[in-house]
Structures are given as C-alpha cells and as structure tokens.
Amino acid sequence: MDQRISFITVAVADVAASRSFYVDGLGWTPEMEADGVVMIRVGEHVILSLWDRSEFEEEVGRIAVADGVAPFTLAHNVATRAEVDEVLGLAGSLGREVSAAAEREWGGYTGYFADPDGVRWEIAYNPGPVGQTVLPG
C-alpha cells in the first residue's frame, strides 16, 4: 500500500452550513457536489469530503458522540506568522470559535479555529524542514 491519504471525510450535521463556511466563507472551490456531500480538493491528490452524518452512518457505522474536542486536527500550514493571524482573523470574521495563535516551544507559531461541526483546524507557521515540505511551491 502506498504511503498517502486520498480523502479526508468529515461527517457533518448540516452540509449546506459546512458548504457555506468552506466555499462562501473561506473561498474554497468545490470539486464535486451532490445531495448530501461536498468534495473540495485540498491538495494535489487529497480531497476533503463533507458528508451528511446520516448518510455517513448508513455506510460506515454509528458515530461515537462524546463531550469535548474530537481527538484530531486538520492543519493548514502557511509561510509566515502574519499569515497565521490573517487566516485566524478570517475564521473569526465568519463567527467561528478561534484560539489565539501563540509561539510554540518547537519554534513554530500556531492557532486554531473550529468549523461548523467543531472540527479543529490548526493554522501553523512551521519554520522547520517538515513544515517547509508541506507548503506549495
């Protein structure tokens, strides 16, 4: 098996609200849309699939529900600290919960925002070699 991820699927409570956030709010372009799903290319070979929760459960299985933050984040790396603040500001202007960016002991600068379903996005400036490998160009 190749070492790669092709799709990240997030089961969402309201596909229209998620579409509005990602497409209208963040300005992303859908790759494909159908009843109950919006698919957005987020990398050269990676699709973010926003899928209606009930349809997700029908195919994949019952969703576990608990209090607190989901035990994962999605990350969007940028080239500068200023870009971190810019993206967090955009998320805040869309009415999303935002955690202020902070300098991290490993040398980076990161902050978080929540999408309409509470999925946490890390916005990160990572000056190290791994951080540079994920930036376009």
N, C-alpha and C. Protein backbone atom coordinates (compact mmCIF):
# COMPACT_ATOMS: atom_id res chain seq x y z
N MET A 1 0.85 -1.19 0.00
CA MET A 1 0.00 0.00 0.00
C MET A 1 0.89 1.24 0.00
N ASP A 2 0.58 2.21 -0.87
CA ASP A 2 1.32 3.47 -0.92
C ASP A 2 1.12 4.25 0.37
N GLN A 3 2.12 4.98 0.78
CA GLN A 3 2.06 5.81 1.98
C GLN A 3 1.47 7.17 1.62
N ARG A 4 0.13 7.26 1.64
CA ARG A 4 -0.55 8.51 1.29
C ARG A 4 -1.99 8.47 1.77
N ILE A 5 -2.63 9.63 1.81
CA ILE A 5 -4.05 9.77 2.12
C ILE A 5 -4.71 10.40 0.91
N SER A 6 -5.83 9.84 0.47
CA SER A 6 -6.54 10.34 -0.71
C SER A 6 -7.73 11.22 -0.33
N PHE A 7 -8.49 10.80 0.68
CA PHE A 7 -9.68 11.54 1.13
C PHE A 7 -9.63 11.71 2.64
N ILE A 8 -10.10 12.85 3.08
CA ILE A 8 -10.41 13.07 4.49
C ILE A 8 -11.91 13.34 4.50
N THR A 9 -12.66 12.44 5.11
CA THR A 9 -14.11 12.57 5.14
C THR A 9 -14.55 13.00 6.53
N VAL A 10 -15.34 14.07 6.58
CA VAL A 10 -15.88 14.57 7.84
C VAL A 10 -17.39 14.46 7.77
N ALA A 11 -17.98 13.73 8.70
CA ALA A 11 -19.43 13.62 8.80
C ALA A 11 -19.95 14.90 9.42
N VAL A 12 -20.80 15.62 8.69
CA VAL A 12 -21.26 16.93 9.14
C VAL A 12 -22.76 16.93 9.41
N ALA A 13 -23.18 17.76 10.35
CA ALA A 13 -24.59 17.84 10.74
C ALA A 13 -25.43 18.54 9.67
N ASP A 14 -24.85 19.51 8.98
CA ASP A 14 -25.59 20.31 8.01
C ASP A 14 -24.66 20.60 6.83
N VAL A 15 -24.85 19.88 5.74
CA VAL A 15 -23.97 20.03 4.57
C VAL A 15 -24.02 21.46 4.03
N ALA A 16 -25.20 22.05 4.00
CA ALA A 16 -25.33 23.42 3.49
C ALA A 16 -24.53 24.41 4.35
N ALA A 17 -24.58 24.26 5.67
CA ALA A 17 -23.82 25.14 6.56
C ALA A 17 -22.32 24.94 6.36
N SER A 18 -21.90 23.69 6.22
CA SER A 18 -20.48 23.41 6.00
C SER A 18 -20.03 23.96 4.66
N ARG A 19 -20.87 23.78 3.62
CA ARG A 19 -20.53 24.32 2.31
C ARG A 19 -20.40 25.84 2.39
N SER A 20 -21.34 26.48 3.07
CA SER A 20 -21.31 27.92 3.21
C SER A 20 -20.01 28.38 3.89
N PHE A 21 -19.61 27.67 4.94
CA PHE A 21 -18.38 28.02 5.66
C PHE A 21 -17.16 27.88 4.76
N TYR A 22 -16.98 26.70 4.18
CA TYR A 22 -15.77 26.42 3.40
C TYR A 22 -15.74 27.13 2.04
N VAL A 23 -16.88 27.14 1.35
CA VAL A 23 -16.91 27.69 -0.01
C VAL A 23 -17.16 29.19 0.02
N ASP A 24 -18.25 29.62 0.62
CA ASP A 24 -18.57 31.04 0.64
C ASP A 24 -17.69 31.82 1.61
N GLY A 25 -17.42 31.23 2.80
CA GLY A 25 -16.63 31.93 3.82
C GLY A 25 -15.14 31.92 3.55
N LEU A 26 -14.57 30.70 3.40
CA LEU A 26 -13.11 30.60 3.19
C LEU A 26 -12.71 30.78 1.73
N GLY A 27 -13.67 30.70 0.83
CA GLY A 27 -13.38 30.93 -0.59
C GLY A 27 -12.85 29.71 -1.33
N TRP A 28 -13.06 28.52 -0.78
CA TRP A 28 -12.59 27.31 -1.44
C TRP A 28 -13.55 26.91 -2.56
N THR A 29 -13.03 26.13 -3.52
CA THR A 29 -13.81 25.73 -4.69
C THR A 29 -14.17 24.25 -4.62
N PRO A 30 -15.46 23.94 -4.70
CA PRO A 30 -15.85 22.53 -4.69
C PRO A 30 -15.35 21.81 -5.94
N GLU A 31 -14.93 20.59 -5.76
CA GLU A 31 -14.53 19.73 -6.87
C GLU A 31 -15.76 18.97 -7.39
N MET A 32 -16.67 18.63 -6.47
CA MET A 32 -17.88 17.90 -6.81
C MET A 32 -18.92 18.15 -5.72
N GLU A 33 -20.18 18.27 -6.13
CA GLU A 33 -21.27 18.42 -5.19
C GLU A 33 -22.42 17.52 -5.61
N ALA A 34 -23.07 16.91 -4.64
CA ALA A 34 -24.26 16.09 -4.86
C ALA A 34 -25.09 16.18 -3.59
N ASP A 35 -26.30 15.61 -3.63
CA ASP A 35 -27.11 15.60 -2.42
C ASP A 35 -26.34 14.95 -1.29
N GLY A 36 -26.18 15.67 -0.19
CA GLY A 36 -25.55 15.09 1.00
C GLY A 36 -24.05 15.10 1.03
N VAL A 37 -23.39 15.71 0.04
CA VAL A 37 -21.92 15.72 0.05
C VAL A 37 -21.36 16.89 -0.76
N VAL A 38 -20.27 17.44 -0.25
CA VAL A 38 -19.47 18.43 -0.98
C VAL A 38 -18.03 17.95 -0.90
N MET A 39 -17.35 17.89 -2.05
CA MET A 39 -15.96 17.45 -2.08
C MET A 39 -15.10 18.61 -2.58
N ILE A 40 -14.03 18.88 -1.83
CA ILE A 40 -13.15 20.01 -2.11
C ILE A 40 -11.72 19.51 -2.21
N ARG A 41 -11.05 19.81 -3.31
CA ARG A 41 -9.63 19.45 -3.44
C ARG A 41 -8.83 20.34 -2.49
N VAL A 42 -8.06 19.71 -1.60
CA VAL A 42 -7.27 20.45 -0.62
C VAL A 42 -5.77 20.19 -0.78
N GLY A 43 -5.40 19.46 -1.78
CA GLY A 43 -4.01 19.16 -2.09
C GLY A 43 -3.95 18.54 -3.47
N GLU A 44 -2.75 18.33 -3.95
CA GLU A 44 -2.61 17.80 -5.30
C GLU A 44 -3.38 16.49 -5.49
N HIS A 45 -3.35 15.64 -4.47
CA HIS A 45 -4.03 14.35 -4.55
C HIS A 45 -4.87 14.09 -3.30
N VAL A 46 -5.45 15.14 -2.71
CA VAL A 46 -6.22 14.99 -1.48
C VAL A 46 -7.54 15.75 -1.59
N ILE A 47 -8.63 15.06 -1.22
CA ILE A 47 -9.97 15.64 -1.24
C ILE A 47 -10.52 15.68 0.19
N LEU A 48 -11.10 16.82 0.57
CA LEU A 48 -11.86 16.94 1.81
C LEU A 48 -13.32 16.70 1.44
N SER A 49 -13.91 15.66 2.01
CA SER A 49 -15.29 15.30 1.72
C SER A 49 -16.15 15.64 2.93
N LEU A 50 -17.11 16.52 2.74
CA LEU A 50 -18.05 16.92 3.79
C LEU A 50 -19.34 16.17 3.52
N TRP A 51 -19.63 15.18 4.37
CA TRP A 51 -20.67 14.20 4.08
C TRP A 51 -21.75 14.25 5.15
N ASP A 52 -22.99 14.24 4.75
CA ASP A 52 -24.12 14.24 5.66
C ASP A 52 -23.98 13.11 6.69
N ARG A 53 -24.15 13.45 7.97
CA ARG A 53 -23.95 12.48 9.07
C ARG A 53 -24.79 11.22 8.91
N SER A 54 -26.06 11.37 8.55
CA SER A 54 -26.92 10.19 8.46
C SER A 54 -26.47 9.27 7.33
N GLU A 55 -26.05 9.85 6.22
CA GLU A 55 -25.55 9.03 5.11
C GLU A 55 -24.21 8.38 5.47
N PHE A 56 -23.38 9.12 6.20
CA PHE A 56 -22.12 8.57 6.68
C PHE A 56 -22.38 7.36 7.56
N GLU A 57 -23.29 7.52 8.54
CA GLU A 57 -23.60 6.43 9.46
C GLU A 57 -24.18 5.21 8.74
N GLU A 58 -25.00 5.46 7.72
CA GLU A 58 -25.59 4.37 6.97
C GLU A 58 -24.52 3.50 6.30
N GLU A 59 -23.48 4.14 5.80
CA GLU A 59 -22.44 3.39 5.10
C GLU A 59 -21.31 2.92 6.01
N VAL A 60 -20.90 3.76 6.96
CA VAL A 60 -19.70 3.49 7.74
C VAL A 60 -20.01 2.87 9.11
N GLY A 61 -21.08 3.32 9.74
CA GLY A 61 -21.42 2.84 11.07
C GLY A 61 -21.77 3.99 11.99
N ARG A 62 -22.31 3.66 13.15
CA ARG A 62 -22.75 4.66 14.12
C ARG A 62 -21.59 5.54 14.56
N ILE A 63 -21.86 6.82 14.62
CA ILE A 63 -20.86 7.80 15.04
C ILE A 63 -20.83 7.84 16.57
N ALA A 64 -19.64 7.74 17.15
CA ALA A 64 -19.49 7.87 18.59
C ALA A 64 -19.61 9.35 18.94
N VAL A 65 -20.36 9.64 19.99
CA VAL A 65 -20.56 11.02 20.41
C VAL A 65 -20.06 11.17 21.84
N ALA A 66 -19.27 12.19 22.07
CA ALA A 66 -18.75 12.47 23.41
C ALA A 66 -18.57 13.97 23.56
N ASP A 67 -18.44 14.41 24.79
CA ASP A 67 -18.16 15.81 25.04
C ASP A 67 -16.71 16.11 24.72
N GLY A 68 -16.43 17.35 24.40
CA GLY A 68 -15.05 17.77 24.17
C GLY A 68 -14.70 17.85 22.69
N VAL A 69 -13.46 18.06 22.46
CA VAL A 69 -12.92 18.23 21.10
C VAL A 69 -12.60 16.86 20.51
N ALA A 70 -12.87 16.71 19.21
CA ALA A 70 -12.51 15.45 18.53
C ALA A 70 -11.00 15.23 18.67
N PRO A 71 -10.56 13.97 18.75
CA PRO A 71 -9.15 13.68 19.00
C PRO A 71 -8.26 13.77 17.77
N PHE A 72 -8.50 14.77 16.93
CA PHE A 72 -7.64 15.01 15.77
C PHE A 72 -7.79 16.47 15.36
N THR A 73 -6.85 16.95 14.59
CA THR A 73 -6.97 18.27 13.98
C THR A 73 -6.62 18.13 12.50
N LEU A 74 -7.09 19.08 11.73
CA LEU A 74 -6.66 19.24 10.35
C LEU A 74 -5.74 20.46 10.37
N ALA A 75 -4.68 20.42 9.61
CA ALA A 75 -3.73 21.53 9.66
C ALA A 75 -3.57 22.19 8.30
N HIS A 76 -3.41 23.50 8.34
CA HIS A 76 -3.15 24.30 7.16
C HIS A 76 -1.89 25.11 7.48
N ASN A 77 -0.80 24.76 6.82
CA ASN A 77 0.46 25.47 7.07
C ASN A 77 0.60 26.65 6.13
N VAL A 78 1.19 27.71 6.66
CA VAL A 78 1.42 28.93 5.89
C VAL A 78 2.89 29.32 6.02
N ALA A 79 3.32 30.29 5.21
CA ALA A 79 4.74 30.63 5.13
C ALA A 79 5.21 31.64 6.17
N THR A 80 4.28 32.34 6.82
CA THR A 80 4.69 33.38 7.78
C THR A 80 3.76 33.42 9.00
N ARG A 81 4.27 34.02 10.06
CA ARG A 81 3.43 34.22 11.26
C ARG A 81 2.24 35.12 10.94
N ALA A 82 2.47 36.14 10.11
CA ALA A 82 1.39 37.08 9.76
C ALA A 82 0.24 36.35 9.06
N GLU A 83 0.55 35.37 8.23
CA GLU A 83 -0.50 34.61 7.56
C GLU A 83 -1.33 33.80 8.55
N VAL A 84 -0.70 33.31 9.62
CA VAL A 84 -1.45 32.60 10.66
C VAL A 84 -2.52 33.53 11.21
N ASP A 85 -2.12 34.74 11.60
CA ASP A 85 -3.05 35.70 12.16
C ASP A 85 -4.14 36.09 11.16
N GLU A 86 -3.76 36.20 9.89
CA GLU A 86 -4.71 36.56 8.83
C GLU A 86 -5.81 35.49 8.68
N VAL A 87 -5.42 34.23 8.63
CA VAL A 87 -6.40 33.15 8.47
C VAL A 87 -7.28 33.04 9.72
N LEU A 88 -6.69 33.15 10.89
CA LEU A 88 -7.49 33.10 12.12
C LEU A 88 -8.47 34.28 12.17
N GLY A 89 -8.04 35.43 11.68
CA GLY A 89 -8.93 36.59 11.60
C GLY A 89 -10.11 36.34 10.67
N LEU A 90 -9.84 35.70 9.54
CA LEU A 90 -10.91 35.35 8.60
C LEU A 90 -11.91 34.42 9.27
N ALA A 91 -11.42 33.38 9.93
CA ALA A 91 -12.31 32.43 10.62
C ALA A 91 -13.14 33.15 11.68
N GLY A 92 -12.51 34.03 12.42
CA GLY A 92 -13.22 34.80 13.44
C GLY A 92 -14.30 35.69 12.83
N SER A 93 -14.01 36.28 11.66
CA SER A 93 -15.00 37.13 10.99
C SER A 93 -16.20 36.34 10.50
N LEU A 94 -16.03 35.02 10.37
CA LEU A 94 -17.12 34.14 9.96
C LEU A 94 -17.90 33.61 11.17
N GLY A 95 -17.56 34.14 12.35
CA GLY A 95 -18.28 33.76 13.56
C GLY A 95 -17.82 32.45 14.18
N ARG A 96 -16.65 31.99 13.82
CA ARG A 96 -16.14 30.72 14.33
C ARG A 96 -15.37 30.93 15.62
N GLU A 97 -15.34 29.88 16.44
CA GLU A 97 -14.54 29.87 17.66
C GLU A 97 -13.07 29.84 17.24
N VAL A 98 -12.27 30.75 17.78
CA VAL A 98 -10.85 30.86 17.43
C VAL A 98 -10.01 30.87 18.69
N SER A 99 -8.93 30.09 18.69
CA SER A 99 -7.93 30.15 19.75
C SER A 99 -6.78 30.99 19.23
N ALA A 100 -6.40 32.01 19.96
CA ALA A 100 -5.34 32.91 19.51
C ALA A 100 -4.05 32.15 19.23
N ALA A 101 -3.33 32.62 18.24
CA ALA A 101 -2.04 32.00 17.91
C ALA A 101 -1.02 32.29 19.00
N ALA A 102 -0.08 31.37 19.13
CA ALA A 102 0.98 31.51 20.14
C ALA A 102 2.27 30.91 19.60
N GLU A 103 3.37 31.43 20.12
CA GLU A 103 4.68 30.86 19.81
C GLU A 103 4.75 29.50 20.51
N ARG A 104 5.25 28.50 19.81
CA ARG A 104 5.35 27.15 20.36
C ARG A 104 6.81 26.84 20.67
N GLU A 105 7.03 25.99 21.67
CA GLU A 105 8.40 25.70 22.11
C GLU A 105 9.25 25.05 21.02
N TRP A 106 8.63 24.45 20.02
CA TRP A 106 9.38 23.82 18.93
C TRP A 106 9.76 24.81 17.83
N GLY A 107 9.40 26.10 18.03
CA GLY A 107 9.83 27.14 17.09
C GLY A 107 8.75 27.62 16.15
N GLY A 108 7.59 27.05 16.20
CA GLY A 108 6.51 27.46 15.32
C GLY A 108 5.58 28.45 15.96
N TYR A 109 4.56 28.82 15.22
CA TYR A 109 3.54 29.76 15.66
C TYR A 109 2.21 29.23 15.15
N THR A 110 1.30 28.87 16.04
CA THR A 110 0.05 28.23 15.63
C THR A 110 -1.14 28.72 16.43
N GLY A 111 -2.31 28.60 15.82
CA GLY A 111 -3.58 28.86 16.47
C GLY A 111 -4.63 27.95 15.86
N TYR A 112 -5.83 27.96 16.41
CA TYR A 112 -6.87 27.03 15.97
C TYR A 112 -8.19 27.75 15.76
N PHE A 113 -9.00 27.19 14.85
CA PHE A 113 -10.40 27.59 14.76
C PHE A 113 -11.24 26.34 14.57
N ALA A 114 -12.54 26.48 14.87
CA ALA A 114 -13.48 25.37 14.74
C ALA A 114 -14.38 25.61 13.53
N ASP A 115 -14.63 24.55 12.75
CA ASP A 115 -15.58 24.65 11.64
C ASP A 115 -17.00 24.51 12.21
N PRO A 116 -18.04 24.53 11.37
CA PRO A 116 -19.41 24.45 11.91
C PRO A 116 -19.71 23.20 12.73
N ASP A 117 -18.95 22.11 12.54
CA ASP A 117 -19.18 20.89 13.32
C ASP A 117 -18.19 20.73 14.46
N GLY A 118 -17.39 21.76 14.71
CA GLY A 118 -16.43 21.71 15.81
C GLY A 118 -15.10 21.07 15.47
N VAL A 119 -14.90 20.69 14.20
CA VAL A 119 -13.61 20.14 13.79
C VAL A 119 -12.58 21.25 13.91
N ARG A 120 -11.48 20.96 14.59
CA ARG A 120 -10.46 21.98 14.81
C ARG A 120 -9.44 21.99 13.67
N TRP A 121 -9.21 23.19 13.15
CA TRP A 121 -8.20 23.44 12.15
C TRP A 121 -7.03 24.15 12.83
N GLU A 122 -5.85 23.61 12.67
CA GLU A 122 -4.64 24.29 13.15
C GLU A 122 -4.09 25.10 11.99
N ILE A 123 -3.86 26.37 12.24
CA ILE A 123 -3.20 27.23 11.26
C ILE A 123 -1.78 27.41 11.78
N ALA A 124 -0.80 26.98 10.98
CA ALA A 124 0.56 26.86 11.51
C ALA A 124 1.62 27.47 10.61
N TYR A 125 2.52 28.18 11.25
CA TYR A 125 3.80 28.55 10.63
C TYR A 125 4.82 27.64 11.28
N ASN A 126 5.45 26.81 10.47
CA ASN A 126 6.46 25.86 10.97
C ASN A 126 7.73 26.09 10.17
N PRO A 127 8.73 26.76 10.76
CA PRO A 127 9.94 27.10 10.02
C PRO A 127 10.88 25.93 9.77
N GLY A 128 10.60 24.79 10.36
CA GLY A 128 11.49 23.62 10.23
C GLY A 128 11.32 22.92 8.89
N PRO A 129 12.18 21.94 8.64
CA PRO A 129 12.15 21.22 7.35
C PRO A 129 10.83 20.51 7.07
N VAL A 130 10.21 19.89 8.06
CA VAL A 130 8.94 19.22 7.81
C VAL A 130 7.88 20.24 7.43
N GLY A 131 7.84 21.35 8.13
CA GLY A 131 6.88 22.40 7.82
C GLY A 131 7.04 22.95 6.43
N GLN A 132 8.26 23.03 5.96
CA GLN A 132 8.52 23.55 4.61
C GLN A 132 8.10 22.57 3.53
N THR A 133 8.13 21.28 3.82
CA THR A 133 7.78 20.27 2.79
C THR A 133 6.30 20.31 2.44
N VAL A 134 5.44 20.84 3.32
CA VAL A 134 4.01 20.84 3.04
C VAL A 134 3.50 22.13 2.40
N LEU A 135 4.39 23.09 2.21
CA LEU A 135 3.98 24.34 1.56
C LEU A 135 4.03 24.20 0.05
N PRO A 136 3.06 24.77 -0.66
CA PRO A 136 3.11 24.71 -2.12
C PRO A 136 4.28 25.53 -2.67
N GLY A 137 4.78 25.09 -3.79
CA GLY A 137 5.85 25.82 -4.50
C GLY A 137 7.10 25.86 -3.70
